[in-house]
Amino acid sequence: MLNIFQNQCQTGCSSTWWLDDNEASLLAEFLSDAAKGVEQQQLEHIGSLAGKDSSGIETNPWLTITVQQNNSRPNANSVGVHLHFDDELIQETENDGILWLSGDSARHLSRFLSEAIERKATHPPHIYVPPQPGNVVIASAIAN
């Protein structure tokens, strides 16, 4: 699992999204495709990530990535990468859950995700458990 989006200020709620390897890989591809779409000024739906319920049926997307006209800022009439988070955390905050990225930012985030996936594969996480002393050692330490 990768902790990718510590989403404090951008969407107005304090939440963290955890991605498994498949989701992180898909998101990296989507962001790379979106960056290309921004370069070509091609407005399009890139992709979305959805969860699965307990029976394995796909639920509504919790993240949708599109390339759109960014009119959210004054004097900004450019094409950008539109990430729309839509999950229970966002709905509780009554926030729109929208995060805009430039093409370069989408490309960088895609690269960071790919590097994180690669690093996880080459350096798998583990929990260090120190060796436990044997009963004999403890008994002899108490006797002394």
C-alpha atoms as a PDB file:
ATOM      1  CA  MET A   1       0.000   0.000   0.000  1.00  0.00           C
ATOM      2  CA  LEU A   2       1.214   3.471  -0.810  1.00  0.00           C
ATOM      3  CA  ASN A   3       0.117   6.563   1.074  1.00  0.00           C
ATOM      4  CA  ILE A   4      -0.063   8.996  -1.807  1.00  0.00           C
ATOM      5  CA  PHE A   5      -2.447  11.819  -1.155  1.00  0.00           C
ATOM      6  CA  GLN A   6      -2.165  13.590   2.159  1.00  0.00           C
ATOM      7  CA  ASN A   7      -4.979  15.867   1.174  1.00  0.00           C
ATOM      8  CA  GLN A   8      -4.933  18.673   3.721  1.00  0.00           C
ATOM      9  CA  CYS A   9      -5.456  21.950   1.881  1.00  0.00           C
ATOM     10  CA  GLN A  10      -6.327  21.185  -1.718  1.00  0.00           C
ATOM     11  CA  THR A  11      -9.790  19.758  -1.210  1.00  0.00           C
ATOM     12  CA  GLY A  12     -10.487  21.227   2.200  1.00  0.00           C
ATOM     13  CA  CYS A  13     -10.526  18.045   4.236  1.00  0.00           C
ATOM     14  CA  SER A  14      -7.838  16.359   6.231  1.00  0.00           C
ATOM     15  CA  SER A  15      -7.715  12.846   4.859  1.00  0.00           C
ATOM     16  CA  THR A  16      -5.285  10.352   3.434  1.00  0.00           C
ATOM     17  CA  TRP A  17      -5.864   8.058   0.481  1.00  0.00           C
ATOM     18  CA  TRP A  18      -4.119   4.699   0.482  1.00  0.00           C
ATOM     19  CA  LEU A  19      -3.462   3.005  -2.843  1.00  0.00           C
ATOM     20  CA  ASP A  20      -2.584  -0.613  -3.418  1.00  0.00           C
ATOM     21  CA  ASP A  21       0.009  -1.427  -6.076  1.00  0.00           C
ATOM     22  CA  ASN A  22      -2.576  -1.892  -8.834  1.00  0.00           C
ATOM     23  CA  GLU A  23      -4.323   1.397  -8.046  1.00  0.00           C
ATOM     24  CA  ALA A  24      -1.009   3.247  -7.844  1.00  0.00           C
ATOM     25  CA  SER A  25       0.081   1.769 -11.174  1.00  0.00           C
ATOM     26  CA  LEU A  26      -3.229   2.692 -12.828  1.00  0.00           C
ATOM     27  CA  LEU A  27      -3.095   6.200 -11.403  1.00  0.00           C
ATOM     28  CA  ALA A  28       0.474   6.641 -12.684  1.00  0.00           C
ATOM     29  CA  GLU A  29      -0.695   5.615 -16.170  1.00  0.00           C
ATOM     30  CA  PHE A  30      -3.732   7.900 -15.982  1.00  0.00           C
ATOM     31  CA  LEU A  31      -1.603  10.866 -14.911  1.00  0.00           C
ATOM     32  CA  SER A  32       0.931  10.212 -17.667  1.00  0.00           C
ATOM     33  CA  ASP A  33      -1.874  10.026 -20.246  1.00  0.00           C
ATOM     34  CA  ALA A  34      -3.429  13.184 -18.801  1.00  0.00           C
ATOM     35  CA  ALA A  35      -0.113  15.045 -19.086  1.00  0.00           C
ATOM     36  CA  LYS A  36       0.018  14.080 -22.774  1.00  0.00           C
ATOM     37  CA  GLY A  37      -3.583  15.252 -23.161  1.00  0.00           C
ATOM     38  CA  VAL A  38      -2.669  18.632 -21.681  1.00  0.00           C
ATOM     39  CA  GLU A  39       0.249  18.954 -24.121  1.00  0.00           C
ATOM     40  CA  GLN A  40      -2.078  18.224 -27.041  1.00  0.00           C
ATOM     41  CA  GLN A  41      -4.898  20.358 -25.577  1.00  0.00           C
ATOM     42  CA  GLN A  42      -7.143  17.313 -25.899  1.00  0.00           C
ATOM     43  CA  LEU A  43     -10.097  17.454 -23.485  1.00  0.00           C
ATOM     44  CA  GLU A  44     -11.036  13.916 -22.442  1.00  0.00           C
ATOM     45  CA  HIS A  45     -11.949  11.495 -19.692  1.00  0.00           C
ATOM     46  CA  ILE A  46      -8.746   9.639 -18.789  1.00  0.00           C
ATOM     47  CA  GLY A  47      -9.878   7.079 -16.225  1.00  0.00           C
ATOM     48  CA  SER A  48     -11.157   6.432 -12.742  1.00  0.00           C
ATOM     49  CA  LEU A  49     -10.453   4.324  -9.682  1.00  0.00           C
ATOM     50  CA  ALA A  50     -13.284   2.501  -7.949  1.00  0.00           C
ATOM     51  CA  GLY A  51     -13.465   0.251  -4.938  1.00  0.00           C
ATOM     52  CA  LYS A  52     -15.246  -3.066  -4.575  1.00  0.00           C
ATOM     53  CA  ASP A  53     -17.926  -3.981  -2.098  1.00  0.00           C
ATOM     54  CA  SER A  54     -17.855  -7.144   0.023  1.00  0.00           C
ATOM     55  CA  SER A  55     -19.319  -9.220  -2.824  1.00  0.00           C
ATOM     56  CA  GLY A  56     -16.614  -8.041  -5.250  1.00  0.00           C
ATOM     57  CA  ILE A  57     -18.866  -5.743  -7.276  1.00  0.00           C
ATOM     58  CA  GLU A  58     -17.238  -2.482  -8.341  1.00  0.00           C
ATOM     59  CA  THR A  59     -18.602   0.599  -6.577  1.00  0.00           C
ATOM     60  CA  ASN A  60     -18.854   4.174  -7.815  1.00  0.00           C
ATOM     61  CA  PRO A  61     -15.468   5.726  -8.646  1.00  0.00           C
ATOM     62  CA  TRP A  62     -13.770   7.459  -5.744  1.00  0.00           C
ATOM     63  CA  LEU A  63     -11.300   9.218  -8.052  1.00  0.00           C
ATOM     64  CA  THR A  64     -11.901  10.393 -11.616  1.00  0.00           C
ATOM     65  CA  ILE A  65      -9.174  11.900 -13.807  1.00  0.00           C
ATOM     66  CA  THR A  66     -10.009  14.095 -16.796  1.00  0.00           C
ATOM     67  CA  VAL A  67      -8.317  16.724 -18.930  1.00  0.00           C
ATOM     68  CA  GLN A  68     -10.491  19.833 -18.847  1.00  0.00           C
ATOM     69  CA  GLN A  69     -10.534  23.542 -19.351  1.00  0.00           C
ATOM     70  CA  ASN A  70      -9.449  25.068 -16.027  1.00  0.00           C
ATOM     71  CA  ASN A  71     -11.564  28.142 -15.435  1.00  0.00           C
ATOM     72  CA  SER A  72     -11.323  27.941 -11.653  1.00  0.00           C
ATOM     73  CA  ARG A  73      -8.867  30.816 -11.266  1.00  0.00           C
ATOM     74  CA  PRO A  74      -9.152  34.386 -12.446  1.00  0.00           C
ATOM     75  CA  ASN A  75      -7.129  34.995 -15.613  1.00  0.00           C
ATOM     76  CA  ALA A  76      -6.614  31.247 -16.004  1.00  0.00           C
ATOM     77  CA  ASN A  77      -8.083  29.852 -19.168  1.00  0.00           C
ATOM     78  CA  SER A  78      -5.880  26.855 -19.700  1.00  0.00           C
ATOM     79  CA  VAL A  79      -6.218  23.112 -19.983  1.00  0.00           C
ATOM     80  CA  GLY A  80      -5.335  21.146 -16.861  1.00  0.00           C
ATOM     81  CA  VAL A  81      -5.628  17.766 -15.202  1.00  0.00           C
ATOM     82  CA  HIS A  82      -8.795  17.574 -13.127  1.00  0.00           C
ATOM     83  CA  LEU A  83      -8.792  15.067 -10.256  1.00  0.00           C
ATOM     84  CA  HIS A  84     -12.181  14.615  -8.639  1.00  0.00           C
ATOM     85  CA  PHE A  85     -12.213  12.753  -5.337  1.00  0.00           C
ATOM     86  CA  ASP A  86     -15.661  11.459  -4.410  1.00  0.00           C
ATOM     87  CA  ASP A  87     -15.784   9.292  -1.332  1.00  0.00           C
ATOM     88  CA  GLU A  88     -17.429   9.380   2.087  1.00  0.00           C
ATOM     89  CA  LEU A  89     -14.705  11.611   3.542  1.00  0.00           C
ATOM     90  CA  ILE A  90     -15.260  14.245   0.876  1.00  0.00           C
ATOM     91  CA  GLN A  91     -19.036  13.981   1.150  1.00  0.00           C
ATOM     92  CA  GLU A  92     -18.861  14.516   4.924  1.00  0.00           C
ATOM     93  CA  THR A  93     -16.997  17.785   4.424  1.00  0.00           C
ATOM     94  CA  GLU A  94     -19.447  19.074   1.810  1.00  0.00           C
ATOM     95  CA  ASN A  95     -16.420  19.939  -0.311  1.00  0.00           C
ATOM     96  CA  ASP A  96     -16.220  19.523  -4.085  1.00  0.00           C
ATOM     97  CA  GLY A  97     -13.166  17.226  -3.818  1.00  0.00           C
ATOM     98  CA  ILE A  98     -11.511  18.775  -6.866  1.00  0.00           C
ATOM     99  CA  LEU A  99      -7.763  19.063  -7.293  1.00  0.00           C
ATOM    100  CA  TRP A 100      -6.218  20.655 -10.401  1.00  0.00           C
ATOM    101  CA  LEU A 101      -2.761  19.757 -11.697  1.00  0.00           C
ATOM    102  CA  SER A 102      -0.775  21.240 -14.519  1.00  0.00           C
ATOM    103  CA  GLY A 103       0.516  18.863 -17.169  1.00  0.00           C
ATOM    104  CA  ASP A 104       4.007  19.056 -15.646  1.00  0.00           C
ATOM    105  CA  SER A 105       2.674  18.355 -12.149  1.00  0.00           C
ATOM    106  CA  ALA A 106       0.723  15.352 -13.432  1.00  0.00           C
ATOM    107  CA  ARG A 107       3.860  14.061 -15.148  1.00  0.00           C
ATOM    108  CA  HIS A 108       5.921  14.492 -11.949  1.00  0.00           C
ATOM    109  CA  LEU A 109       3.293  12.785  -9.786  1.00  0.00           C
ATOM    110  CA  SER A 110       3.125   9.931 -12.288  1.00  0.00           C
ATOM    111  CA  ARG A 111       6.897   9.544 -12.063  1.00  0.00           C
ATOM    112  CA  PHE A 112       6.819   9.643  -8.233  1.00  0.00           C
ATOM    113  CA  LEU A 113       4.151   6.937  -8.169  1.00  0.00           C
ATOM    114  CA  SER A 114       6.124   4.752 -10.572  1.00  0.00           C
ATOM    115  CA  GLU A 115       9.290   5.211  -8.507  1.00  0.00           C
ATOM    116  CA  ALA A 116       7.412   4.372  -5.292  1.00  0.00           C
ATOM    117  CA  ILE A 117       6.032   1.175  -6.831  1.00  0.00           C
ATOM    118  CA  GLU A 118       9.493   0.208  -8.065  1.00  0.00           C
ATOM    119  CA  ARG A 119      11.073   0.964  -4.683  1.00  0.00           C
ATOM    120  CA  LYS A 120       8.460  -1.111  -2.890  1.00  0.00           C
ATOM    121  CA  ALA A 121       9.203  -4.039  -5.211  1.00  0.00           C
ATOM    122  CA  THR A 122      12.967  -3.814  -4.656  1.00  0.00           C
ATOM    123  CA  HIS A 123      12.758  -2.948  -0.938  1.00  0.00           C
ATOM    124  CA  PRO A 124       9.679  -4.703   0.440  1.00  0.00           C
ATOM    125  CA  PRO A 125       8.470  -3.430   3.800  1.00  0.00           C
ATOM    126  CA  HIS A 126       9.167  -5.550   6.841  1.00  0.00           C
ATOM    127  CA  ILE A 127       8.845  -5.292  10.597  1.00  0.00           C
ATOM    128  CA  TYR A 128      12.015  -5.888  12.550  1.00  0.00           C
ATOM    129  CA  VAL A 129      11.514  -8.273  15.447  1.00  0.00           C
ATOM    130  CA  PRO A 130      14.586  -8.465  17.643  1.00  0.00           C
ATOM    131  CA  PRO A 131      15.653 -11.919  18.776  1.00  0.00           C
ATOM    132  CA  GLN A 132      13.970 -12.937  22.019  1.00  0.00           C
ATOM    133  CA  PRO A 133      16.125 -14.187  24.877  1.00  0.00           C
ATOM    134  CA  GLY A 134      15.682 -17.789  25.865  1.00  0.00           C
ATOM    135  CA  ASN A 135      14.236 -18.854  29.224  1.00  0.00           C
ATOM    136  CA  VAL A 136      17.600 -20.167  30.385  1.00  0.00           C
ATOM    137  CA  VAL A 137      19.279 -16.815  29.857  1.00  0.00           C
ATOM    138  CA  ILE A 138      16.536 -14.996  31.778  1.00  0.00           C
ATOM    139  CA  ALA A 139      16.661 -17.516  34.635  1.00  0.00           C
ATOM    140  CA  SER A 140      20.433 -17.252  34.939  1.00  0.00           C
ATOM    141  CA  ALA A 141      20.267 -13.446  34.848  1.00  0.00           C
ATOM    142  CA  ILE A 142      17.742 -13.436  37.703  1.00  0.00           C
ATOM    143  CA  ALA A 143      19.826 -15.897  39.747  1.00  0.00           C
ATOM    144  CA  ASN A 144      22.879 -13.654  39.542  1.00  0.00           C
END
